[in-house]
Amino acid sequence: MPTLIGNIDGYPLRVEVERGVLRILADVNKDQLEKRHMAKLKEIFGKKNVSYDWLGVALIYRRSRRKDLLYSSVDKEIKQLVNFFNTEKIDSWDIGSLD
């Protein structure tokens, strides 16, 4: 599966598309990620739009739920997610260490 890899404000991000699902994976230190953080993220982005990933947190965009998905909306939500990590002092996980 093709993967787009980037970095926003020191947080590594991976973008994957498979079977009509866009996943934006933020690689964060899961030891610092508590249940209350996930509860807040689900409140912000929607219960079915956020999940744990093996390296952090994923924002999930399903074609069936978001037919009007625009780059500006995704960009805003990514920045909102990264801002949440900064505010809650959740550190990033360096995906470069996996190469």
Protein backbone atom coordinates (compact mmCIF):
# COMPACT_ATOMS: atom_id res chain seq x y z
CA MET A 1 0.00 0.00 0.00
CA PRO A 2 1.43 3.42 -0.92
CA THR A 3 2.16 5.61 2.09
CA LEU A 4 2.77 9.34 2.25
CA ILE A 5 5.08 10.28 5.12
CA GLY A 6 5.45 13.77 6.54
CA ASN A 7 6.05 15.80 9.64
CA ILE A 8 3.97 18.57 11.19
CA ASP A 9 5.33 20.50 14.16
CA GLY A 10 7.66 17.65 15.09
CA TYR A 11 5.02 14.92 14.84
CA PRO A 12 5.61 12.24 12.21
CA LEU A 13 2.51 11.51 10.16
CA ARG A 14 1.74 8.72 7.72
CA VAL A 15 -1.15 8.87 5.29
CA GLU A 16 -2.54 5.63 3.88
CA VAL A 17 -5.48 4.95 1.58
CA GLU A 18 -6.99 1.51 1.28
CA ARG A 19 -10.44 0.38 0.14
CA GLY A 20 -11.93 3.86 0.24
CA VAL A 21 -10.57 4.65 3.71
CA LEU A 22 -8.08 7.46 4.29
CA ARG A 23 -6.07 7.01 7.49
CA ILE A 24 -3.83 9.73 8.89
CA LEU A 25 -1.58 8.14 11.47
CA ALA A 26 0.13 10.33 14.05
CA ASP A 27 3.07 8.55 15.63
CA VAL A 28 3.08 9.48 19.31
CA ASN A 29 4.41 8.03 22.54
CA LYS A 30 1.57 5.67 23.50
CA ASP A 31 2.91 5.42 27.05
CA GLN A 32 1.80 9.03 27.52
CA LEU A 33 -1.56 8.49 25.84
CA GLU A 34 -4.25 7.89 28.43
CA LYS A 35 -7.89 6.83 28.10
CA ARG A 36 -8.97 10.39 28.87
CA HIS A 37 -6.95 11.61 25.87
CA MET A 38 -8.68 9.18 23.53
CA ALA A 39 -12.05 10.10 25.01
CA LYS A 40 -11.37 13.78 24.31
CA LEU A 41 -10.14 13.04 20.77
CA LYS A 42 -13.31 11.04 20.09
CA GLU A 43 -15.34 13.97 21.40
CA ILE A 44 -13.49 16.37 19.09
CA PHE A 45 -13.36 14.26 15.91
CA GLY A 46 -16.19 11.77 16.38
CA LYS A 47 -16.19 8.35 18.00
CA LYS A 48 -15.76 6.40 14.75
CA ASN A 49 -13.17 8.79 13.30
CA VAL A 50 -10.34 8.18 15.82
CA SER A 51 -8.60 4.96 16.78
CA TYR A 52 -5.44 3.59 18.32
CA ASP A 53 -2.73 2.57 15.90
CA TRP A 54 0.26 0.44 16.83
CA LEU A 55 2.43 3.60 16.84
CA GLY A 56 -0.08 6.18 17.99
CA VAL A 57 -3.41 7.62 16.92
CA ALA A 58 -5.24 7.47 13.60
CA LEU A 59 -7.78 9.86 12.15
CA ILE A 60 -10.05 7.85 9.87
CA TYR A 61 -11.98 9.22 6.91
CA ARG A 62 -14.41 6.77 5.30
CA ARG A 63 -15.81 7.60 1.90
CA SER A 64 -19.25 6.47 3.05
CA ARG A 65 -19.31 9.07 5.85
CA ARG A 66 -17.35 11.99 4.38
CA LYS A 67 -18.31 12.43 0.74
CA ASP A 68 -17.35 16.13 0.83
CA LEU A 69 -13.80 15.67 2.15
CA LEU A 70 -11.64 18.68 1.24
CA TYR A 71 -7.93 19.23 1.74
CA SER A 72 -8.65 22.34 3.83
CA SER A 73 -10.81 20.27 6.22
CA VAL A 74 -8.18 17.55 6.58
CA ASP A 75 -5.42 20.14 7.05
CA LYS A 76 -7.43 21.88 9.79
CA GLU A 77 -8.10 18.58 11.58
CA ILE A 78 -4.44 17.51 11.40
CA LYS A 79 -3.38 20.82 12.92
CA GLN A 80 -6.05 20.44 15.58
CA LEU A 81 -4.75 16.94 16.39
CA VAL A 82 -1.13 18.10 16.63
CA ASN A 83 -2.17 21.06 18.77
CA PHE A 84 -3.96 18.61 21.10
CA PHE A 85 -0.75 16.56 21.46
CA ASN A 86 1.25 19.71 22.22
CA THR A 87 -1.30 20.95 24.76
CA GLU A 88 -1.48 17.57 26.49
CA LYS A 89 2.34 17.18 26.33
CA ILE A 90 2.20 13.92 24.39
CA ASP A 91 5.56 13.40 22.69
CA SER A 92 6.08 12.22 19.16
CA TRP A 93 7.51 8.84 18.21
CA ASP A 94 10.29 8.97 15.63
CA ILE A 95 9.30 6.64 12.78
CA GLY A 96 12.79 7.03 11.36
CA SER A 97 13.97 4.64 14.06
CA LEU A 98 11.97 1.86 12.36
CA ASP A 99 13.85 2.01 9.05
